Each structure stands twice: as structure tokens, then as C-alpha cells.
Amino acid sequence: MANPTAFLEMLLGFQSFIDKDMVKKQNFDMIRPTLAEEGFNKENIATKSAAAAGLCDWIRNITIYYDIVVSVEPKKQ
């Protein structure tokens, strides 16, 4: 990773892509099997790398955010 600051900024701005419906459902469908794995959690991954644990936590939280946005948007309409 050549520019960690740019990567972090991209992660922090990813929410706006979801808000603008610019992230395809298939992206989240593809990550769900990994999310369901017993070892894919912040605590387990932190034993290997703190940075990877943070990214794992981000993936879990952004997926939850996506699910909420998808369920709330039809109600807003």
C-alpha cells in the first residue's frame, strides 16, 4: 500500500457511495460468506494485525450500514 492516508480517506468516504446508490448489491452479496465465517471478527484478526482488525471491523460495519440504507430507502419513498 503506497499511500495509507489516501486509502484511509477512501474508506472514510465510502459511505457516500452507498448513499448515492453507487455500490452494487452483488458486492455485499459476495462478502457475506466471509462475514459468516467464525474467525472473521476483529478480536481474532487482531491477533495477527491491528490494521487488518480495523479493516475487518470496517467491512462488518459498512455492510450493516448498507443493509440499513437498503431497508430504509423504500420506506422513505
PDB file of N, CA and C in Angstrom:
ATOM      1  N   MET A   1       0.854  -1.157   0.000  1.00  0.00           N
ATOM      2  CA  MET A   1       0.000   0.000   0.000  1.00  0.00           C
ATOM      3  C   MET A   1       0.907   1.229   0.000  1.00  0.00           C
ATOM      4  N   ALA A   2       0.931   1.913  -1.101  1.00  0.00           N
ATOM      5  CA  ALA A   2       1.842   3.034  -1.278  1.00  0.00           C
ATOM      6  C   ALA A   2       1.420   4.276  -0.493  1.00  0.00           C
ATOM      7  N   ASN A   3       0.105   4.487  -0.343  1.00  0.00           N
ATOM      8  CA  ASN A   3      -0.358   5.701   0.308  1.00  0.00           C
ATOM      9  C   ASN A   3      -1.462   5.367   1.318  1.00  0.00           C
ATOM     10  N   PRO A   4      -1.077   5.038   2.547  1.00  0.00           N
ATOM     11  CA  PRO A   4      -2.085   4.666   3.551  1.00  0.00           C
ATOM     12  C   PRO A   4      -3.082   5.781   3.855  1.00  0.00           C
ATOM     13  N   THR A   5      -2.648   7.021   3.774  1.00  0.00           N
ATOM     14  CA  THR A   5      -3.553   8.143   4.046  1.00  0.00           C
ATOM     15  C   THR A   5      -4.662   8.200   3.013  1.00  0.00           C
ATOM     16  N   ALA A   6      -4.323   8.022   1.751  1.00  0.00           N
ATOM     17  CA  ALA A   6      -5.333   8.032   0.689  1.00  0.00           C
ATOM     18  C   ALA A   6      -6.292   6.855   0.848  1.00  0.00           C
ATOM     19  N   PHE A   7      -5.762   5.705   1.238  1.00  0.00           N
ATOM     20  CA  PHE A   7      -6.605   4.534   1.464  1.00  0.00           C
ATOM     21  C   PHE A   7      -7.595   4.803   2.593  1.00  0.00           C
ATOM     22  N   LEU A   8      -7.129   5.374   3.684  1.00  0.00           N
ATOM     23  CA  LEU A   8      -7.999   5.697   4.806  1.00  0.00           C
ATOM     24  C   LEU A   8      -9.075   6.694   4.390  1.00  0.00           C
ATOM     25  N   GLU A   9      -8.705   7.698   3.631  1.00  0.00           N
ATOM     26  CA  GLU A   9      -9.677   8.695   3.152  1.00  0.00           C
ATOM     27  C   GLU A   9     -10.736   8.038   2.269  1.00  0.00           C
ATOM     28  N   MET A  10     -10.310   7.080   1.436  1.00  0.00           N
ATOM     29  CA  MET A  10     -11.252   6.373   0.588  1.00  0.00           C
ATOM     30  C   MET A  10     -12.239   5.577   1.446  1.00  0.00           C
ATOM     31  N   LEU A  11     -11.733   4.910   2.488  1.00  0.00           N
ATOM     32  CA  LEU A  11     -12.616   4.155   3.372  1.00  0.00           C
ATOM     33  C   LEU A  11     -13.600   5.075   4.087  1.00  0.00           C
ATOM     34  N   LEU A  12     -13.116   6.206   4.545  1.00  0.00           N
ATOM     35  CA  LEU A  12     -13.983   7.150   5.259  1.00  0.00           C
ATOM     36  C   LEU A  12     -15.050   7.743   4.346  1.00  0.00           C
ATOM     37  N   GLY A  13     -14.755   7.852   3.069  1.00  0.00           N
ATOM     38  CA  GLY A  13     -15.711   8.419   2.114  1.00  0.00           C
ATOM     39  C   GLY A  13     -16.620   7.394   1.462  1.00  0.00           C
ATOM     40  N   PHE A  14     -16.426   6.121   1.764  1.00  0.00           N
ATOM     41  CA  PHE A  14     -17.180   5.061   1.102  1.00  0.00           C
ATOM     42  C   PHE A  14     -18.673   5.149   1.393  1.00  0.00           C
ATOM     43  N   GLN A  15     -19.022   5.626   2.554  1.00  0.00           N
ATOM     44  CA  GLN A  15     -20.430   5.759   2.935  1.00  0.00           C
ATOM     45  C   GLN A  15     -21.200   6.585   1.912  1.00  0.00           C
ATOM     46  N   SER A  16     -20.576   7.608   1.374  1.00  0.00           N
ATOM     47  CA  SER A  16     -21.270   8.451   0.396  1.00  0.00           C
ATOM     48  C   SER A  16     -21.577   7.689  -0.884  1.00  0.00           C
ATOM     49  N   PHE A  17     -20.740   6.714  -1.248  1.00  0.00           N
ATOM     50  CA  PHE A  17     -21.025   5.889  -2.423  1.00  0.00           C
ATOM     51  C   PHE A  17     -22.283   5.045  -2.191  1.00  0.00           C
ATOM     52  N   ILE A  18     -22.444   4.565  -0.981  1.00  0.00           N
ATOM     53  CA  ILE A  18     -23.639   3.785  -0.642  1.00  0.00           C
ATOM     54  C   ILE A  18     -24.854   4.700  -0.648  1.00  0.00           C
ATOM     55  N   ASP A  19     -24.713   5.886  -0.067  1.00  0.00           N
ATOM     56  CA  ASP A  19     -25.820   6.841  -0.018  1.00  0.00           C
ATOM     57  C   ASP A  19     -26.292   7.232  -1.422  1.00  0.00           C
ATOM     58  N   LYS A  20     -25.370   7.277  -2.360  1.00  0.00           N
ATOM     59  CA  LYS A  20     -25.692   7.654  -3.749  1.00  0.00           C
ATOM     60  C   LYS A  20     -26.037   6.448  -4.611  1.00  0.00           C
ATOM     61  N   ASP A  21     -26.182   5.280  -3.983  1.00  0.00           N
ATOM     62  CA  ASP A  21     -26.517   4.030  -4.675  1.00  0.00           C
ATOM     63  C   ASP A  21     -25.513   3.690  -5.775  1.00  0.00           C
ATOM     64  N   MET A  22     -24.242   3.892  -5.466  1.00  0.00           N
ATOM     65  CA  MET A  22     -23.180   3.636  -6.429  1.00  0.00           C
ATOM     66  C   MET A  22     -22.449   2.315  -6.162  1.00  0.00           C
ATOM     67  N   VAL A  23     -22.901   1.560  -5.172  1.00  0.00           N
ATOM     68  CA  VAL A  23     -22.277   0.275  -4.843  1.00  0.00           C
ATOM     69  C   VAL A  23     -23.298  -0.813  -5.161  1.00  0.00           C
ATOM     70  N   LYS A  24     -22.891  -1.748  -5.991  1.00  0.00           N
ATOM     71  CA  LYS A  24     -23.809  -2.799  -6.415  1.00  0.00           C
ATOM     72  C   LYS A  24     -24.079  -3.790  -5.283  1.00  0.00           C
ATOM     73  N   LYS A  25     -25.296  -4.291  -5.274  1.00  0.00           N
ATOM     74  CA  LYS A  25     -25.712  -5.275  -4.279  1.00  0.00           C
ATOM     75  C   LYS A  25     -24.805  -6.501  -4.317  1.00  0.00           C
ATOM     76  N   GLN A  26     -24.364  -6.883  -5.497  1.00  0.00           N
ATOM     77  CA  GLN A  26     -23.540  -8.093  -5.623  1.00  0.00           C
ATOM     78  C   GLN A  26     -22.241  -7.981  -4.829  1.00  0.00           C
ATOM     79  N   ASN A  27     -21.723  -6.788  -4.638  1.00  0.00           N
ATOM     80  CA  ASN A  27     -20.514  -6.617  -3.831  1.00  0.00           C
ATOM     81  C   ASN A  27     -20.751  -7.073  -2.397  1.00  0.00           C
ATOM     82  N   PHE A  28     -21.890  -6.719  -1.862  1.00  0.00           N
ATOM     83  CA  PHE A  28     -22.207  -7.116  -0.492  1.00  0.00           C
ATOM     84  C   PHE A  28     -22.622  -8.584  -0.432  1.00  0.00           C
ATOM     85  N   ASP A  29     -23.280  -9.065  -1.475  1.00  0.00           N
ATOM     86  CA  ASP A  29     -23.627 -10.486  -1.522  1.00  0.00           C
ATOM     87  C   ASP A  29     -22.369 -11.350  -1.512  1.00  0.00           C
ATOM     88  N   MET A  30     -21.331 -10.907  -2.186  1.00  0.00           N
ATOM     89  CA  MET A  30     -20.099 -11.685  -2.286  1.00  0.00           C
ATOM     90  C   MET A  30     -19.324 -11.734  -0.964  1.00  0.00           C
ATOM     91  N   ILE A  31     -19.458 -10.719  -0.124  1.00  0.00           N
ATOM     92  CA  ILE A  31     -18.704 -10.688   1.129  1.00  0.00           C
ATOM     93  C   ILE A  31     -19.420 -11.446   2.255  1.00  0.00           C
ATOM     94  N   ARG A  32     -20.700 -11.697   2.107  1.00  0.00           N
ATOM     95  CA  ARG A  32     -21.473 -12.330   3.201  1.00  0.00           C
ATOM     96  C   ARG A  32     -20.942 -13.698   3.632  1.00  0.00           C
ATOM     97  N   PRO A  33     -20.488 -14.578   2.715  1.00  0.00           N
ATOM     98  CA  PRO A  33     -19.917 -15.843   3.196  1.00  0.00           C
ATOM     99  C   PRO A  33     -18.688 -15.633   4.092  1.00  0.00           C
ATOM    100  N   THR A  34     -17.882 -14.652   3.769  1.00  0.00           N
ATOM    101  CA  THR A  34     -16.714 -14.350   4.601  1.00  0.00           C
ATOM    102  C   THR A  34     -17.155 -13.803   5.956  1.00  0.00           C
ATOM    103  N   LEU A  35     -18.158 -12.943   5.959  1.00  0.00           N
ATOM    104  CA  LEU A  35     -18.670 -12.395   7.213  1.00  0.00           C
ATOM    105  C   LEU A  35     -19.234 -13.489   8.115  1.00  0.00           C
ATOM    106  N   ALA A  36     -19.750 -14.539   7.526  1.00  0.00           N
ATOM    107  CA  ALA A  36     -20.348 -15.631   8.290  1.00  0.00           C
ATOM    108  C   ALA A  36     -19.304 -16.573   8.899  1.00  0.00           C
ATOM    109  N   GLU A  37     -18.070 -16.479   8.441  1.00  0.00           N
ATOM    110  CA  GLU A  37     -17.023 -17.352   8.979  1.00  0.00           C
ATOM    111  C   GLU A  37     -16.756 -17.010  10.437  1.00  0.00           C
ATOM    112  N   GLU A  38     -16.590 -18.039  11.232  1.00  0.00           N
ATOM    113  CA  GLU A  38     -16.388 -17.872  12.671  1.00  0.00           C
ATOM    114  C   GLU A  38     -15.162 -17.014  13.001  1.00  0.00           C
ATOM    115  N   GLY A  39     -14.091 -17.176  12.256  1.00  0.00           N
ATOM    116  CA  GLY A  39     -12.849 -16.469  12.555  1.00  0.00           C
ATOM    117  C   GLY A  39     -12.767 -15.056  12.025  1.00  0.00           C
ATOM    118  N   PHE A  40     -13.778 -14.638  11.242  1.00  0.00           N
ATOM    119  CA  PHE A  40     -13.732 -13.296  10.663  1.00  0.00           C
ATOM    120  C   PHE A  40     -14.362 -12.302  11.627  1.00  0.00           C
ATOM    121  N   ASN A  41     -13.577 -11.933  12.635  1.00  0.00           N
ATOM    122  CA  ASN A  41     -14.019 -10.925  13.591  1.00  0.00           C
ATOM    123  C   ASN A  41     -12.802 -10.133  14.048  1.00  0.00           C
ATOM    124  N   LYS A  42     -13.062  -8.964  14.552  1.00  0.00           N
ATOM    125  CA  LYS A  42     -11.997  -8.040  14.928  1.00  0.00           C
ATOM    126  C   LYS A  42     -11.037  -8.656  15.954  1.00  0.00           C
ATOM    127  N   GLU A  43     -11.577  -9.323  16.938  1.00  0.00           N
ATOM    128  CA  GLU A  43     -10.753  -9.873  18.007  1.00  0.00           C
ATOM    129  C   GLU A  43      -9.790 -10.945  17.488  1.00  0.00           C
ATOM    130  N   ASN A  44     -10.290 -11.834  16.663  1.00  0.00           N
ATOM    131  CA  ASN A  44      -9.461 -12.907  16.119  1.00  0.00           C
ATOM    132  C   ASN A  44      -8.387 -12.351  15.194  1.00  0.00           C
ATOM    133  N   ILE A  45      -8.768 -11.448  14.329  1.00  0.00           N
ATOM    134  CA  ILE A  45      -7.821 -10.908  13.364  1.00  0.00           C
ATOM    135  C   ILE A  45      -6.804  -9.997  14.039  1.00  0.00           C
ATOM    136  N   ALA A  46      -7.175  -9.376  15.148  1.00  0.00           N
ATOM    137  CA  ALA A  46      -6.248  -8.512  15.882  1.00  0.00           C
ATOM    138  C   ALA A  46      -5.032  -9.275  16.390  1.00  0.00           C
ATOM    139  N   THR A  47      -5.166 -10.584  16.550  1.00  0.00           N
ATOM    140  CA  THR A  47      -4.017 -11.375  16.993  1.00  0.00           C
ATOM    141  C   THR A  47      -2.949 -11.452  15.906  1.00  0.00           C
ATOM    142  N   LYS A  48      -3.333 -11.152  14.679  1.00  0.00           N
ATOM    143  CA  LYS A  48      -2.394 -11.179  13.549  1.00  0.00           C
ATOM    144  C   LYS A  48      -1.932  -9.773  13.163  1.00  0.00           C
ATOM    145  N   SER A  49      -2.901  -8.827  13.125  1.00  0.00           N
ATOM    146  CA  SER A  49      -2.576  -7.472  12.680  1.00  0.00           C
ATOM    147  C   SER A  49      -3.651  -6.498  13.153  1.00  0.00           C
ATOM    148  N   ALA A  50      -3.224  -5.428  13.796  1.00  0.00           N
ATOM    149  CA  ALA A  50      -4.166  -4.409  14.255  1.00  0.00           C
ATOM    150  C   ALA A  50      -4.824  -3.706  13.070  1.00  0.00           C
ATOM    151  N   ALA A  51      -4.053  -3.466  12.021  1.00  0.00           N
ATOM    152  CA  ALA A  51      -4.602  -2.801  10.837  1.00  0.00           C
ATOM    153  C   ALA A  51      -5.655  -3.681  10.165  1.00  0.00           C
ATOM    154  N   ALA A  52      -5.375  -4.967  10.052  1.00  0.00           N
ATOM    155  CA  ALA A  52      -6.340  -5.898   9.448  1.00  0.00           C
ATOM    156  C   ALA A  52      -7.594  -6.003  10.309  1.00  0.00           C
ATOM    157  N   ALA A  53      -7.435  -5.940  11.621  1.00  0.00           N
ATOM    158  CA  ALA A  53      -8.583  -5.978  12.524  1.00  0.00           C
ATOM    159  C   ALA A  53      -9.470  -4.757  12.301  1.00  0.00           C
ATOM    160  N   GLY A  54      -8.853  -3.614  12.130  1.00  0.00           N
ATOM    161  CA  GLY A  54      -9.615  -2.396  11.849  1.00  0.00           C
ATOM    162  C   GLY A  54     -10.365  -2.500  10.537  1.00  0.00           C
ATOM    163  N   LEU A  55      -9.733  -3.070   9.534  1.00  0.00           N
ATOM    164  CA  LEU A  55     -10.371  -3.242   8.236  1.00  0.00           C
ATOM    165  C   LEU A  55     -11.518  -4.251   8.335  1.00  0.00           C
ATOM    166  N   CYS A  56     -11.328  -5.303   9.089  1.00  0.00           N
ATOM    167  CA  CYS A  56     -12.386  -6.288   9.321  1.00  0.00           C
ATOM    168  C   CYS A  56     -13.596  -5.612   9.971  1.00  0.00           C
ATOM    169  N   ASP A  57     -13.343  -4.817  10.973  1.00  0.00           N
ATOM    170  CA  ASP A  57     -14.409  -4.093  11.665  1.00  0.00           C
ATOM    171  C   ASP A  57     -15.118  -3.143  10.706  1.00  0.00           C
ATOM    172  N   TRP A  58     -14.353  -2.468   9.860  1.00  0.00           N
ATOM    173  CA  TRP A  58     -14.938  -1.555   8.871  1.00  0.00           C
ATOM    174  C   TRP A  58     -15.847  -2.322   7.909  1.00  0.00           C
ATOM    175  N   ILE A  59     -15.389  -3.474   7.429  1.00  0.00           N
ATOM    176  CA  ILE A  59     -16.188  -4.277   6.490  1.00  0.00           C
ATOM    177  C   ILE A  59     -17.504  -4.686   7.136  1.00  0.00           C
ATOM    178  N   ARG A  60     -17.440  -5.137   8.371  1.00  0.00           N
ATOM    179  CA  ARG A  60     -18.665  -5.534   9.066  1.00  0.00           C
ATOM    180  C   ARG A  60     -19.614  -4.341   9.227  1.00  0.00           C
ATOM    181  N   ASN A  61     -19.075  -3.203   9.630  1.00  0.00           N
ATOM    182  CA  ASN A  61     -19.914  -2.029   9.869  1.00  0.00           C
ATOM    183  C   ASN A  61     -20.466  -1.418   8.592  1.00  0.00           C
ATOM    184  N   ILE A  62     -19.686  -1.394   7.526  1.00  0.00           N
ATOM    185  CA  ILE A  62     -20.181  -0.812   6.276  1.00  0.00           C
ATOM    186  C   ILE A  62     -21.256  -1.711   5.676  1.00  0.00           C
ATOM    187  N   THR A  63     -21.156  -3.019   5.909  1.00  0.00           N
ATOM    188  CA  THR A  63     -22.189  -3.946   5.440  1.00  0.00           C
ATOM    189  C   THR A  63     -23.490  -3.724   6.213  1.00  0.00           C
ATOM    190  N   ILE A  64     -23.375  -3.527   7.501  1.00  0.00           N
ATOM    191  CA  ILE A  64     -24.561  -3.215   8.313  1.00  0.00           C
ATOM    192  C   ILE A  64     -25.180  -1.904   7.838  1.00  0.00           C
ATOM    193  N   TYR A  65     -24.350  -0.903   7.588  1.00  0.00           N
ATOM    194  CA  TYR A  65     -24.842   0.379   7.101  1.00  0.00           C
ATOM    195  C   TYR A  65     -25.587   0.196   5.780  1.00  0.00           C
ATOM    196  N   TYR A  66     -24.996  -0.583   4.863  1.00  0.00           N
ATOM    197  CA  TYR A  66     -25.630  -0.841   3.571  1.00  0.00           C
ATOM    198  C   TYR A  66     -27.004  -1.496   3.776  1.00  0.00           C
ATOM    199  N   ASP A  67     -27.066  -2.494   4.633  1.00  0.00           N
ATOM    200  CA  ASP A  67     -28.331  -3.185   4.883  1.00  0.00           C
ATOM    201  C   ASP A  67     -29.395  -2.228   5.418  1.00  0.00           C
ATOM    202  N   ILE A  68     -28.995  -1.320   6.267  1.00  0.00           N
ATOM    203  CA  ILE A  68     -29.942  -0.339   6.820  1.00  0.00           C
ATOM    204  C   ILE A  68     -30.417   0.606   5.724  1.00  0.00           C
ATOM    205  N   VAL A  69     -29.491   1.105   4.926  1.00  0.00           N
ATOM    206  CA  VAL A  69     -29.853   2.030   3.846  1.00  0.00           C
ATOM    207  C   VAL A  69     -30.825   1.356   2.881  1.00  0.00           C
ATOM    208  N   VAL A  70     -30.530   0.112   2.519  1.00  0.00           N
ATOM    209  CA  VAL A  70     -31.377  -0.607   1.575  1.00  0.00           C
ATOM    210  C   VAL A  70     -32.787  -0.842   2.152  1.00  0.00           C
ATOM    211  N   SER A  71     -32.871  -1.098   3.437  1.00  0.00           N
ATOM    212  CA  SER A  71     -34.184  -1.355   4.028  1.00  0.00           C
ATOM    213  C   SER A  71     -34.972  -0.068   4.296  1.00  0.00           C
ATOM    214  N   VAL A  72     -34.287   1.033   4.522  1.00  0.00           N
ATOM    215  CA  VAL A  72     -34.962   2.288   4.841  1.00  0.00           C
ATOM    216  C   VAL A  72     -35.388   3.052   3.581  1.00  0.00           C
ATOM    217  N   GLU A  73     -34.612   2.966   2.516  1.00  0.00           N
ATOM    218  CA  GLU A  73     -34.897   3.740   1.305  1.00  0.00           C
ATOM    219  C   GLU A  73     -36.304   3.509   0.758  1.00  0.00           C
ATOM    220  N   PRO A  74     -36.773   2.273   0.637  1.00  0.00           N
ATOM    221  CA  PRO A  74     -38.153   2.087   0.146  1.00  0.00           C
ATOM    222  C   PRO A  74     -39.195   2.728   1.067  1.00  0.00           C
ATOM    223  N   LYS A  75     -38.931   2.743   2.344  1.00  0.00           N
ATOM    224  CA  LYS A  75     -39.860   3.352   3.292  1.00  0.00           C
ATOM    225  C   LYS A  75     -39.884   4.865   3.127  1.00  0.00           C
ATOM    226  N   LYS A  76     -38.759   5.440   2.736  1.00  0.00           N
ATOM    227  CA  LYS A  76     -38.689   6.881   2.502  1.00  0.00           C
ATOM    228  C   LYS A  76     -39.504   7.271   1.267  1.00  0.00           C
ATOM    229  N   GLN A  77     -39.534   6.361   0.290  1.00  0.00           N
ATOM    230  CA  GLN A  77     -40.270   6.627  -0.949  1.00  0.00           C
ATOM    231  C   GLN A  77     -41.758   6.620  -0.662  1.00  0.00           C
TER     232      GLN A  77
END
